[in-house]
Amino acid sequence: MRETSLGNTRALVNAALLAAVYAALTYVTKPISFGAVQFRVSEALCILPVFTVAAVPGLFVGCFLANFLSGAAALDVIFGSLATLLGAYGTYRLRDKGYFAALPPILCNALIIPFVLRYGYGIEGFLPFFVLTVGVGEIIAVGILGNMLRLALLRYGSKLFPEGSIG
């Protein structure tokens, strides 16, 4: 019983720390983290469900806090956070698929956020253009930076996330 309790506490702490880091990174890089052309450095963390399931709620809460505290539109707070939750869960499900684990956050954000930009912020423009701009930002953040983080953590991940599977 004690081991389970410790595991639950560790997972809760990991989720909370990840939420704080995601929110802080987004807030510090606020000028480039929002808008039709956006690049969220914090999205690189969306690869972390490869190492621990605690990253899934942590990323969701972090995104929610970042959007809320940054004064984002209500639709962004809700649907932007849900896009991160879906992407993180997808990454967790593909945790053993190497580079492909980065695809769910890229696709979720590229397909959901353009509608947030149009209807939440009233940004005029061609929806496929927003898919492209958000998608490119996600490819750089998650596909490149996130996978670089994943490769770096493969070496040390079992020490940082002992309860997760490493892949």
C-alpha atoms as a PDB file:
ATOM      1  CA  MET A   1       0.000   0.000   0.000  1.00  0.00           C
ATOM      2  CA  ARG A   2       2.806   2.402   0.844  1.00  0.00           C
ATOM      3  CA  GLU A   3       4.398   1.913  -2.575  1.00  0.00           C
ATOM      4  CA  THR A   4       1.122   2.760  -4.338  1.00  0.00           C
ATOM      5  CA  SER A   5       0.704   5.864  -2.213  1.00  0.00           C
ATOM      6  CA  LEU A   6       4.236   6.981  -3.008  1.00  0.00           C
ATOM      7  CA  GLY A   7       3.637   6.355  -6.707  1.00  0.00           C
ATOM      8  CA  ASN A   8       0.440   8.411  -6.642  1.00  0.00           C
ATOM      9  CA  THR A   9       2.182  11.226  -4.776  1.00  0.00           C
ATOM     10  CA  ARG A  10       5.085  11.189  -7.213  1.00  0.00           C
ATOM     11  CA  ALA A  11       2.705  11.277 -10.196  1.00  0.00           C
ATOM     12  CA  LEU A  12       0.770  14.181  -8.671  1.00  0.00           C
ATOM     13  CA  VAL A  13       3.978  16.114  -8.011  1.00  0.00           C
ATOM     14  CA  ASN A  14       5.245  15.385 -11.554  1.00  0.00           C
ATOM     15  CA  ALA A  15       1.943  16.608 -13.030  1.00  0.00           C
ATOM     16  CA  ALA A  16       1.973  19.769 -10.900  1.00  0.00           C
ATOM     17  CA  LEU A  17       5.593  20.566 -11.735  1.00  0.00           C
ATOM     18  CA  LEU A  18       4.985  20.026 -15.425  1.00  0.00           C
ATOM     19  CA  ALA A  19       1.892  22.254 -15.299  1.00  0.00           C
ATOM     20  CA  ALA A  20       3.946  25.000 -13.664  1.00  0.00           C
ATOM     21  CA  VAL A  21       6.803  24.694 -16.168  1.00  0.00           C
ATOM     22  CA  TYR A  22       4.424  24.701 -19.163  1.00  0.00           C
ATOM     23  CA  ALA A  23       2.536  27.739 -17.855  1.00  0.00           C
ATOM     24  CA  ALA A  24       5.737  29.635 -17.007  1.00  0.00           C
ATOM     25  CA  LEU A  25       7.365  28.911 -20.383  1.00  0.00           C
ATOM     26  CA  THR A  26       4.237  30.014 -22.231  1.00  0.00           C
ATOM     27  CA  TYR A  27       3.894  33.161 -20.152  1.00  0.00           C
ATOM     28  CA  VAL A  28       7.565  34.138 -20.543  1.00  0.00           C
ATOM     29  CA  THR A  29       7.332  33.649 -24.317  1.00  0.00           C
ATOM     30  CA  LYS A  30       3.859  35.214 -24.551  1.00  0.00           C
ATOM     31  CA  PRO A  31       4.631  37.468 -27.558  1.00  0.00           C
ATOM     32  CA  ILE A  32       5.331  34.444 -29.776  1.00  0.00           C
ATOM     33  CA  SER A  33       2.980  31.974 -28.047  1.00  0.00           C
ATOM     34  CA  PHE A  34      -0.316  33.456 -29.242  1.00  0.00           C
ATOM     35  CA  GLY A  35      -1.745  34.618 -32.558  1.00  0.00           C
ATOM     36  CA  ALA A  36      -2.250  33.395 -36.115  1.00  0.00           C
ATOM     37  CA  VAL A  37       1.481  32.781 -36.423  1.00  0.00           C
ATOM     38  CA  GLN A  38       2.551  31.242 -33.144  1.00  0.00           C
ATOM     39  CA  PHE A  39       5.416  29.279 -31.717  1.00  0.00           C
ATOM     40  CA  ARG A  40       4.973  27.876 -28.227  1.00  0.00           C
ATOM     41  CA  VAL A  41       8.300  26.705 -26.870  1.00  0.00           C
ATOM     42  CA  SER A  42       6.333  25.041 -24.061  1.00  0.00           C
ATOM     43  CA  GLU A  43       4.743  22.690 -26.606  1.00  0.00           C
ATOM     44  CA  ALA A  44       8.034  20.785 -26.719  1.00  0.00           C
ATOM     45  CA  LEU A  45       6.943  19.399 -23.347  1.00  0.00           C
ATOM     46  CA  CYS A  46       4.058  17.619 -25.090  1.00  0.00           C
ATOM     47  CA  ILE A  47       6.494  14.771 -25.764  1.00  0.00           C
ATOM     48  CA  LEU A  48       6.730  13.968 -22.040  1.00  0.00           C
ATOM     49  CA  PRO A  49       3.760  11.551 -21.955  1.00  0.00           C
ATOM     50  CA  VAL A  50       6.250   9.147 -23.589  1.00  0.00           C
ATOM     51  CA  PHE A  51       7.862   8.945 -20.140  1.00  0.00           C
ATOM     52  CA  THR A  52       4.966   9.327 -17.708  1.00  0.00           C
ATOM     53  CA  VAL A  53       1.184   9.318 -17.827  1.00  0.00           C
ATOM     54  CA  ALA A  54       1.306  12.141 -15.236  1.00  0.00           C
ATOM     55  CA  ALA A  55       2.327  14.446 -18.086  1.00  0.00           C
ATOM     56  CA  VAL A  56      -1.149  14.170 -19.632  1.00  0.00           C
ATOM     57  CA  PRO A  57      -3.041  16.038 -16.873  1.00  0.00           C
ATOM     58  CA  GLY A  58       0.033  18.180 -16.173  1.00  0.00           C
ATOM     59  CA  LEU A  59       0.135  19.510 -19.724  1.00  0.00           C
ATOM     60  CA  PHE A  60      -3.621  20.089 -19.741  1.00  0.00           C
ATOM     61  CA  VAL A  61      -3.536  22.074 -16.495  1.00  0.00           C
ATOM     62  CA  GLY A  62      -0.419  23.949 -17.619  1.00  0.00           C
ATOM     63  CA  CYS A  63      -2.017  24.962 -20.904  1.00  0.00           C
ATOM     64  CA  PHE A  64      -5.238  25.954 -19.147  1.00  0.00           C
ATOM     65  CA  LEU A  65      -3.317  28.123 -16.663  1.00  0.00           C
ATOM     66  CA  ALA A  66      -1.130  29.650 -19.372  1.00  0.00           C
ATOM     67  CA  ASN A  67      -4.116  30.578 -21.507  1.00  0.00           C
ATOM     68  CA  PHE A  68      -6.203  31.812 -18.590  1.00  0.00           C
ATOM     69  CA  LEU A  69      -3.442  33.857 -16.941  1.00  0.00           C
ATOM     70  CA  SER A  70      -2.377  35.348 -20.274  1.00  0.00           C
ATOM     71  CA  GLY A  71      -5.870  36.720 -20.855  1.00  0.00           C
ATOM     72  CA  ALA A  72      -6.656  34.427 -23.765  1.00  0.00           C
ATOM     73  CA  ALA A  73     -10.157  34.291 -25.201  1.00  0.00           C
ATOM     74  CA  ALA A  74     -12.547  31.933 -23.440  1.00  0.00           C
ATOM     75  CA  LEU A  75     -12.635  29.621 -26.476  1.00  0.00           C
ATOM     76  CA  ASP A  76      -8.829  29.417 -26.363  1.00  0.00           C
ATOM     77  CA  VAL A  77      -8.811  28.627 -22.659  1.00  0.00           C
ATOM     78  CA  ILE A  78     -11.303  25.804 -23.250  1.00  0.00           C
ATOM     79  CA  PHE A  79     -10.490  24.403 -26.686  1.00  0.00           C
ATOM     80  CA  GLY A  80      -6.773  25.202 -26.662  1.00  0.00           C
ATOM     81  CA  SER A  81      -6.465  23.295 -23.402  1.00  0.00           C
ATOM     82  CA  LEU A  82      -8.549  20.424 -24.777  1.00  0.00           C
ATOM     83  CA  ALA A  83      -6.326  20.283 -27.873  1.00  0.00           C
ATOM     84  CA  THR A  84      -3.322  19.913 -25.571  1.00  0.00           C
ATOM     85  CA  LEU A  85      -5.113  17.238 -23.524  1.00  0.00           C
ATOM     86  CA  LEU A  86      -6.012  15.229 -26.640  1.00  0.00           C
ATOM     87  CA  GLY A  87      -2.513  15.621 -28.060  1.00  0.00           C
ATOM     88  CA  ALA A  88      -0.874  14.584 -24.777  1.00  0.00           C
ATOM     89  CA  TYR A  89      -3.127  11.543 -24.467  1.00  0.00           C
ATOM     90  CA  GLY A  90      -2.335  10.600 -28.068  1.00  0.00           C
ATOM     91  CA  THR A  91       1.374  10.898 -27.333  1.00  0.00           C
ATOM     92  CA  TYR A  92       0.922   8.642 -24.321  1.00  0.00           C
ATOM     93  CA  ARG A  93      -0.850   6.069 -26.501  1.00  0.00           C
ATOM     94  CA  LEU A  94       1.997   6.226 -29.073  1.00  0.00           C
ATOM     95  CA  ARG A  95       4.755   6.296 -26.430  1.00  0.00           C
ATOM     96  CA  ASP A  96       6.464   3.234 -27.899  1.00  0.00           C
ATOM     97  CA  LYS A  97       6.464   4.577 -31.484  1.00  0.00           C
ATOM     98  CA  GLY A  98       9.566   6.792 -31.326  1.00  0.00           C
ATOM     99  CA  TYR A  99       9.356   9.953 -33.417  1.00  0.00           C
ATOM    100  CA  PHE A 100       5.702   9.285 -34.243  1.00  0.00           C
ATOM    101  CA  ALA A 101       4.722  10.022 -30.636  1.00  0.00           C
ATOM    102  CA  ALA A 102       4.968  13.718 -31.560  1.00  0.00           C
ATOM    103  CA  LEU A 103       2.172  13.491 -34.152  1.00  0.00           C
ATOM    104  CA  PRO A 104      -0.918  13.774 -31.898  1.00  0.00           C
ATOM    105  CA  PRO A 105      -0.113  17.237 -30.464  1.00  0.00           C
ATOM    106  CA  ILE A 106       0.892  18.492 -33.904  1.00  0.00           C
ATOM    107  CA  LEU A 107      -2.344  17.275 -35.497  1.00  0.00           C
ATOM    108  CA  CYS A 108      -4.671  18.243 -32.630  1.00  0.00           C
ATOM    109  CA  ASN A 109      -3.358  21.791 -32.462  1.00  0.00           C
ATOM    110  CA  ALA A 110      -3.170  22.236 -36.243  1.00  0.00           C
ATOM    111  CA  LEU A 111      -6.795  21.134 -36.601  1.00  0.00           C
ATOM    112  CA  ILE A 112      -8.383  22.768 -33.525  1.00  0.00           C
ATOM    113  CA  ILE A 113      -6.511  26.049 -32.963  1.00  0.00           C
ATOM    114  CA  PRO A 114      -7.360  27.588 -36.382  1.00  0.00           C
ATOM    115  CA  PHE A 115     -11.033  27.542 -35.363  1.00  0.00           C
ATOM    116  CA  VAL A 116     -10.105  29.155 -32.038  1.00  0.00           C
ATOM    117  CA  LEU A 117      -8.247  31.872 -33.925  1.00  0.00           C
ATOM    118  CA  ARG A 118     -11.205  32.507 -36.217  1.00  0.00           C
ATOM    119  CA  TYR A 119     -14.095  32.265 -33.755  1.00  0.00           C
ATOM    120  CA  GLY A 120     -12.425  33.009 -30.424  1.00  0.00           C
ATOM    121  CA  TYR A 121     -10.333  35.961 -31.550  1.00  0.00           C
ATOM    122  CA  GLY A 122     -12.165  36.957 -34.726  1.00  0.00           C
ATOM    123  CA  ILE A 123      -8.960  36.863 -36.754  1.00  0.00           C
ATOM    124  CA  GLU A 124      -9.876  37.161 -40.397  1.00  0.00           C
ATOM    125  CA  GLY A 125      -8.147  34.804 -42.736  1.00  0.00           C
ATOM    126  CA  PHE A 126      -8.224  31.579 -44.624  1.00  0.00           C
ATOM    127  CA  LEU A 127      -8.599  28.612 -42.234  1.00  0.00           C
ATOM    128  CA  PRO A 128      -6.148  26.437 -44.216  1.00  0.00           C
ATOM    129  CA  PHE A 129      -3.559  29.214 -43.765  1.00  0.00           C
ATOM    130  CA  PHE A 130      -4.066  29.016 -39.992  1.00  0.00           C
ATOM    131  CA  VAL A 131      -3.746  25.221 -40.171  1.00  0.00           C
ATOM    132  CA  LEU A 132      -0.429  25.750 -41.942  1.00  0.00           C
ATOM    133  CA  THR A 133       0.922  28.409 -39.554  1.00  0.00           C
ATOM    134  CA  VAL A 134      -0.124  26.606 -36.377  1.00  0.00           C
ATOM    135  CA  GLY A 135       1.009  23.286 -37.847  1.00  0.00           C
ATOM    136  CA  VAL A 136       4.467  24.595 -38.730  1.00  0.00           C
ATOM    137  CA  GLY A 137       4.847  26.029 -35.221  1.00  0.00           C
ATOM    138  CA  GLU A 138       3.859  22.666 -33.750  1.00  0.00           C
ATOM    139  CA  ILE A 139       6.196  20.749 -36.055  1.00  0.00           C
ATOM    140  CA  ILE A 140       9.082  22.905 -34.868  1.00  0.00           C
ATOM    141  CA  ALA A 141       8.056  22.852 -31.190  1.00  0.00           C
ATOM    142  CA  VAL A 142       6.958  19.237 -30.760  1.00  0.00           C
ATOM    143  CA  GLY A 143       8.318  17.471 -33.812  1.00  0.00           C
ATOM    144  CA  ILE A 144      11.824  18.916 -33.607  1.00  0.00           C
ATOM    145  CA  LEU A 145      12.381  20.373 -30.118  1.00  0.00           C
ATOM    146  CA  GLY A 146      10.140  17.813 -28.429  1.00  0.00           C
ATOM    147  CA  ASN A 147      11.874  14.905 -30.119  1.00  0.00           C
ATOM    148  CA  MET A 148      15.262  16.395 -29.213  1.00  0.00           C
ATOM    149  CA  LEU A 149      14.029  16.496 -25.609  1.00  0.00           C
ATOM    150  CA  ARG A 150      12.774  12.904 -25.908  1.00  0.00           C
ATOM    151  CA  LEU A 151      16.140  11.708 -27.175  1.00  0.00           C
ATOM    152  CA  ALA A 152      17.965  13.538 -24.381  1.00  0.00           C
ATOM    153  CA  LEU A 153      15.617  12.084 -21.768  1.00  0.00           C
ATOM    154  CA  LEU A 154      15.919   8.541 -23.091  1.00  0.00           C
ATOM    155  CA  ARG A 155      19.271   8.476 -21.370  1.00  0.00           C
ATOM    156  CA  TYR A 156      18.003   9.837 -18.020  1.00  0.00           C
ATOM    157  CA  GLY A 157      14.241   9.325 -18.161  1.00  0.00           C
ATOM    158  CA  SER A 158      14.137   6.320 -15.855  1.00  0.00           C
ATOM    159  CA  LYS A 159      15.673   8.470 -13.102  1.00  0.00           C
ATOM    160  CA  LEU A 160      13.289  11.369 -13.674  1.00  0.00           C
ATOM    161  CA  PHE A 161      10.160   9.320 -14.360  1.00  0.00           C
ATOM    162  CA  PRO A 162      10.679   5.888 -12.755  1.00  0.00           C
ATOM    163  CA  GLU A 163       7.016   4.917 -13.104  1.00  0.00           C
ATOM    164  CA  GLY A 164       6.796   5.584 -16.848  1.00  0.00           C
ATOM    165  CA  SER A 165       7.675   3.551 -19.828  1.00  0.00           C
ATOM    166  CA  ILE A 166      10.567   4.824 -21.850  1.00  0.00           C
ATOM    167  CA  GLY A 167      10.324   4.632 -25.610  1.00  0.00           C
END
